[in-house]
């Protein structure tokens, strides 16, 4: 059951429930994104930065860094405004890179709350999310889980 509309902007721990789903807007991955990420991360692997080299590899063209896609996914999730100032910490993430993200692909994210666990001593609780990143063809390019620590409303 999709409970997407029941999540307010700036949600607190008490607002999260198993089964709630959120879907982000899309964002197109550009050549500038790939070049800037290479500079930021120091990862200049030719699969990302050398068109001739990448053209001779399995994907036939340059691909975005997997962690660039993950970084964009976290930004898209933040753009929802749901996990906003009430988030204390990003505690854990797991990610599987299933398909390449190509320059020009538009990605979006589906987040499904799979577990909530109160942590009274921290004035909040853990929220676990199943995360899937899709391209414009609705193919899953990344999947995994995120765990965030959200504060209680009265602690806000």
C-alpha atoms as a PDB file:
ATOM      1  CA  UNK A   1       0.000   0.000   0.000  1.00  0.00           C
ATOM      2  CA  UNK A   2       1.386   3.396  -0.962  1.00  0.00           C
ATOM      3  CA  UNK A   3       1.203   5.788   1.980  1.00  0.00           C
ATOM      4  CA  UNK A   4       3.273   8.464   0.283  1.00  0.00           C
ATOM      5  CA  UNK A   5       0.891  11.330   1.017  1.00  0.00           C
ATOM      6  CA  UNK A   6       0.851  10.704   4.780  1.00  0.00           C
ATOM      7  CA  UNK A   7       4.408  11.977   5.266  1.00  0.00           C
ATOM      8  CA  UNK A   8       4.643  15.682   6.091  1.00  0.00           C
ATOM      9  CA  UNK A   9       7.544  17.930   5.180  1.00  0.00           C
ATOM     10  CA  UNK A  10      10.092  17.946   7.991  1.00  0.00           C
ATOM     11  CA  UNK A  11       8.792  14.668   9.432  1.00  0.00           C
ATOM     12  CA  UNK A  12       9.865  13.539  12.889  1.00  0.00           C
ATOM     13  CA  UNK A  13      10.387   9.976  14.082  1.00  0.00           C
ATOM     14  CA  UNK A  14       6.751   9.686  15.185  1.00  0.00           C
ATOM     15  CA  UNK A  15       5.585  10.415  11.609  1.00  0.00           C
ATOM     16  CA  UNK A  16       7.334   7.411  10.055  1.00  0.00           C
ATOM     17  CA  UNK A  17       5.613   4.042   9.694  1.00  0.00           C
ATOM     18  CA  UNK A  18       6.434   0.797   7.942  1.00  0.00           C
ATOM     19  CA  UNK A  19       4.956   0.755   4.436  1.00  0.00           C
ATOM     20  CA  UNK A  20       5.193   4.476   3.751  1.00  0.00           C
ATOM     21  CA  UNK A  21       6.666   5.189   0.336  1.00  0.00           C
ATOM     22  CA  UNK A  22       8.232   8.272  -1.193  1.00  0.00           C
ATOM     23  CA  UNK A  23       9.181   8.912  -4.816  1.00  0.00           C
ATOM     24  CA  UNK A  24      11.540  11.700  -5.811  1.00  0.00           C
ATOM     25  CA  UNK A  25      11.578  13.856  -8.894  1.00  0.00           C
ATOM     26  CA  UNK A  26      14.049  12.967 -11.633  1.00  0.00           C
ATOM     27  CA  UNK A  27      17.469  14.440 -12.315  1.00  0.00           C
ATOM     28  CA  UNK A  28      19.496  14.062 -15.491  1.00  0.00           C
ATOM     29  CA  UNK A  29      23.129  13.065 -15.066  1.00  0.00           C
ATOM     30  CA  UNK A  30      25.292  15.329 -17.229  1.00  0.00           C
ATOM     31  CA  UNK A  31      28.856  15.208 -18.475  1.00  0.00           C
ATOM     32  CA  UNK A  32      29.586  18.112 -16.130  1.00  0.00           C
ATOM     33  CA  UNK A  33      28.359  15.995 -13.200  1.00  0.00           C
ATOM     34  CA  UNK A  34      30.780  13.201 -14.129  1.00  0.00           C
ATOM     35  CA  UNK A  35      33.726  15.558 -14.676  1.00  0.00           C
ATOM     36  CA  UNK A  36      33.054  17.473 -11.454  1.00  0.00           C
ATOM     37  CA  UNK A  37      32.659  14.253  -9.466  1.00  0.00           C
ATOM     38  CA  UNK A  38      35.950  12.941 -10.854  1.00  0.00           C
ATOM     39  CA  UNK A  39      37.626  16.141  -9.669  1.00  0.00           C
ATOM     40  CA  UNK A  40      35.957  16.038  -6.276  1.00  0.00           C
ATOM     41  CA  UNK A  41      36.622  12.360  -5.617  1.00  0.00           C
ATOM     42  CA  UNK A  42      39.955  12.028  -7.408  1.00  0.00           C
ATOM     43  CA  UNK A  43      38.549   9.053  -9.363  1.00  0.00           C
ATOM     44  CA  UNK A  44      39.651   9.666 -12.939  1.00  0.00           C
ATOM     45  CA  UNK A  45      39.204   6.073 -14.089  1.00  0.00           C
ATOM     46  CA  UNK A  46      39.044   6.129 -17.905  1.00  0.00           C
ATOM     47  CA  UNK A  47      35.673   4.352 -17.843  1.00  0.00           C
ATOM     48  CA  UNK A  48      34.312   7.684 -16.596  1.00  0.00           C
ATOM     49  CA  UNK A  49      36.670  10.171 -18.207  1.00  0.00           C
ATOM     50  CA  UNK A  50      38.060   8.761 -21.469  1.00  0.00           C
ATOM     51  CA  UNK A  51      35.544   8.484 -24.292  1.00  0.00           C
ATOM     52  CA  UNK A  52      37.811   6.363 -26.524  1.00  0.00           C
ATOM     53  CA  UNK A  53      38.728   3.932 -23.740  1.00  0.00           C
ATOM     54  CA  UNK A  54      35.149   3.659 -22.469  1.00  0.00           C
ATOM     55  CA  UNK A  55      33.870   3.137 -26.010  1.00  0.00           C
ATOM     56  CA  UNK A  56      35.940  -0.045 -26.216  1.00  0.00           C
ATOM     57  CA  UNK A  57      34.607  -1.424 -22.930  1.00  0.00           C
ATOM     58  CA  UNK A  58      31.478  -3.424 -22.061  1.00  0.00           C
ATOM     59  CA  UNK A  59      29.086  -0.441 -21.963  1.00  0.00           C
ATOM     60  CA  UNK A  60      30.376   1.140 -25.184  1.00  0.00           C
ATOM     61  CA  UNK A  61      30.482   4.629 -23.668  1.00  0.00           C
ATOM     62  CA  UNK A  62      31.467   6.537 -20.564  1.00  0.00           C
ATOM     63  CA  UNK A  63      29.453   5.813 -17.438  1.00  0.00           C
ATOM     64  CA  UNK A  64      28.838   7.833 -14.313  1.00  0.00           C
ATOM     65  CA  UNK A  65      30.641   6.783 -11.154  1.00  0.00           C
ATOM     66  CA  UNK A  66      28.436   4.440  -9.121  1.00  0.00           C
ATOM     67  CA  UNK A  67      28.881   6.576  -6.033  1.00  0.00           C
ATOM     68  CA  UNK A  68      27.956   9.662  -8.056  1.00  0.00           C
ATOM     69  CA  UNK A  69      24.568   8.011  -8.631  1.00  0.00           C
ATOM     70  CA  UNK A  70      24.345   7.225  -4.927  1.00  0.00           C
ATOM     71  CA  UNK A  71      25.225  10.818  -4.041  1.00  0.00           C
ATOM     72  CA  UNK A  72      22.596  12.186  -6.405  1.00  0.00           C
ATOM     73  CA  UNK A  73      20.061   9.743  -4.935  1.00  0.00           C
ATOM     74  CA  UNK A  74      20.665  11.100  -1.425  1.00  0.00           C
ATOM     75  CA  UNK A  75      20.231  14.637  -2.737  1.00  0.00           C
ATOM     76  CA  UNK A  76      16.982  13.718  -4.475  1.00  0.00           C
ATOM     77  CA  UNK A  77      15.724  12.166  -1.234  1.00  0.00           C
ATOM     78  CA  UNK A  78      16.613  15.321   0.688  1.00  0.00           C
ATOM     79  CA  UNK A  79      14.747  17.334  -1.939  1.00  0.00           C
ATOM     80  CA  UNK A  80      11.509  15.688  -0.817  1.00  0.00           C
ATOM     81  CA  UNK A  81      11.731  17.734   2.383  1.00  0.00           C
ATOM     82  CA  UNK A  82      10.549  14.763   4.436  1.00  0.00           C
ATOM     83  CA  UNK A  83      13.919  13.828   5.874  1.00  0.00           C
ATOM     84  CA  UNK A  84      14.977  17.350   6.585  1.00  0.00           C
ATOM     85  CA  UNK A  85      16.184  19.026   9.774  1.00  0.00           C
ATOM     86  CA  UNK A  86      14.784  16.248  11.956  1.00  0.00           C
ATOM     87  CA  UNK A  87      17.453  13.839  10.761  1.00  0.00           C
ATOM     88  CA  UNK A  88      20.255  13.494  13.312  1.00  0.00           C
ATOM     89  CA  UNK A  89      22.530  11.170  11.346  1.00  0.00           C
ATOM     90  CA  UNK A  90      22.850   8.928   8.322  1.00  0.00           C
ATOM     91  CA  UNK A  91      23.747   5.699  10.145  1.00  0.00           C
ATOM     92  CA  UNK A  92      24.221   3.063   7.461  1.00  0.00           C
ATOM     93  CA  UNK A  93      23.822   2.310   3.799  1.00  0.00           C
ATOM     94  CA  UNK A  94      24.118  -0.703   1.574  1.00  0.00           C
ATOM     95  CA  UNK A  95      24.084  -0.407  -2.197  1.00  0.00           C
ATOM     96  CA  UNK A  96      24.108  -2.735  -5.174  1.00  0.00           C
ATOM     97  CA  UNK A  97      25.051  -1.267  -8.538  1.00  0.00           C
ATOM     98  CA  UNK A  98      22.906  -3.237 -11.016  1.00  0.00           C
ATOM     99  CA  UNK A  99      23.180  -1.282 -14.249  1.00  0.00           C
ATOM    100  CA  UNK A 100      25.341   1.608 -15.362  1.00  0.00           C
ATOM    101  CA  UNK A 101      24.127   5.172 -15.166  1.00  0.00           C
ATOM    102  CA  UNK A 102      25.006   6.731 -18.490  1.00  0.00           C
ATOM    103  CA  UNK A 103      25.602  10.376 -19.236  1.00  0.00           C
ATOM    104  CA  UNK A 104      22.163  11.696 -20.186  1.00  0.00           C
ATOM    105  CA  UNK A 105      20.214   9.230 -18.030  1.00  0.00           C
ATOM    106  CA  UNK A 106      17.543  10.698 -15.789  1.00  0.00           C
ATOM    107  CA  UNK A 107      17.345   8.975 -12.421  1.00  0.00           C
ATOM    108  CA  UNK A 108      14.754   9.026  -9.667  1.00  0.00           C
ATOM    109  CA  UNK A 109      14.431   7.237  -6.330  1.00  0.00           C
ATOM    110  CA  UNK A 110      11.740   5.182  -4.582  1.00  0.00           C
ATOM    111  CA  UNK A 111      12.129   4.911  -0.819  1.00  0.00           C
ATOM    112  CA  UNK A 112      10.029   2.470   1.205  1.00  0.00           C
ATOM    113  CA  UNK A 113      10.109   2.474   4.999  1.00  0.00           C
ATOM    114  CA  UNK A 114      10.741  -1.099   6.125  1.00  0.00           C
ATOM    115  CA  UNK A 115      11.438  -0.668   9.842  1.00  0.00           C
ATOM    116  CA  UNK A 116      11.195   1.909  12.579  1.00  0.00           C
ATOM    117  CA  UNK A 117      12.836   1.430  15.955  1.00  0.00           C
ATOM    118  CA  UNK A 118      12.525   3.862  18.853  1.00  0.00           C
ATOM    119  CA  UNK A 119      15.784   4.915  20.494  1.00  0.00           C
ATOM    120  CA  UNK A 120      14.558   6.832  23.572  1.00  0.00           C
ATOM    121  CA  UNK A 121      18.040   7.507  24.946  1.00  0.00           C
ATOM    122  CA  UNK A 122      18.804   9.358  21.686  1.00  0.00           C
ATOM    123  CA  UNK A 123      15.492  11.274  21.688  1.00  0.00           C
ATOM    124  CA  UNK A 124      14.506   9.670  18.408  1.00  0.00           C
ATOM    125  CA  UNK A 125      14.648   6.454  16.495  1.00  0.00           C
ATOM    126  CA  UNK A 126      16.031   4.534  13.563  1.00  0.00           C
ATOM    127  CA  UNK A 127      14.202   4.579  10.235  1.00  0.00           C
ATOM    128  CA  UNK A 128      15.228   1.912   7.735  1.00  0.00           C
ATOM    129  CA  UNK A 129      14.436   2.450   4.078  1.00  0.00           C
ATOM    130  CA  UNK A 130      14.504   0.143   1.088  1.00  0.00           C
ATOM    131  CA  UNK A 131      15.956   2.297  -1.687  1.00  0.00           C
ATOM    132  CA  UNK A 132      15.750   1.785  -5.427  1.00  0.00           C
ATOM    133  CA  UNK A 133      17.249   4.135  -8.011  1.00  0.00           C
ATOM    134  CA  UNK A 134      15.645   3.978 -11.453  1.00  0.00           C
ATOM    135  CA  UNK A 135      16.612   5.361 -14.829  1.00  0.00           C
ATOM    136  CA  UNK A 136      14.213   6.953 -17.309  1.00  0.00           C
ATOM    137  CA  UNK A 137      13.336   3.478 -18.652  1.00  0.00           C
ATOM    138  CA  UNK A 138      12.173   2.467 -15.154  1.00  0.00           C
ATOM    139  CA  UNK A 139      15.089   0.047 -14.859  1.00  0.00           C
ATOM    140  CA  UNK A 140      16.617  -0.369 -11.404  1.00  0.00           C
ATOM    141  CA  UNK A 141      20.204   0.872 -11.638  1.00  0.00           C
ATOM    142  CA  UNK A 142      20.960   0.784  -7.897  1.00  0.00           C
ATOM    143  CA  UNK A 143      19.239  -0.772  -4.914  1.00  0.00           C
ATOM    144  CA  UNK A 144      19.896  -1.167  -1.258  1.00  0.00           C
ATOM    145  CA  UNK A 145      18.968   0.172   2.134  1.00  0.00           C
ATOM    146  CA  UNK A 146      19.572   3.301   4.159  1.00  0.00           C
ATOM    147  CA  UNK A 147      19.241   3.730   7.906  1.00  0.00           C
ATOM    148  CA  UNK A 148      18.797   7.202   9.349  1.00  0.00           C
ATOM    149  CA  UNK A 149      18.417   8.421  12.906  1.00  0.00           C
ATOM    150  CA  UNK A 150      15.485  10.816  13.245  1.00  0.00           C
ATOM    151  CA  UNK A 151      14.703  12.929  16.288  1.00  0.00           C
ATOM    152  CA  UNK A 152      11.444  12.904  18.190  1.00  0.00           C
ATOM    153  CA  UNK A 153       9.133  15.879  17.757  1.00  0.00           C
ATOM    154  CA  UNK A 154       9.559  17.065  21.343  1.00  0.00           C
ATOM    155  CA  UNK A 155      13.350  16.897  20.959  1.00  0.00           C
ATOM    156  CA  UNK A 156      13.164  19.040  17.773  1.00  0.00           C
END
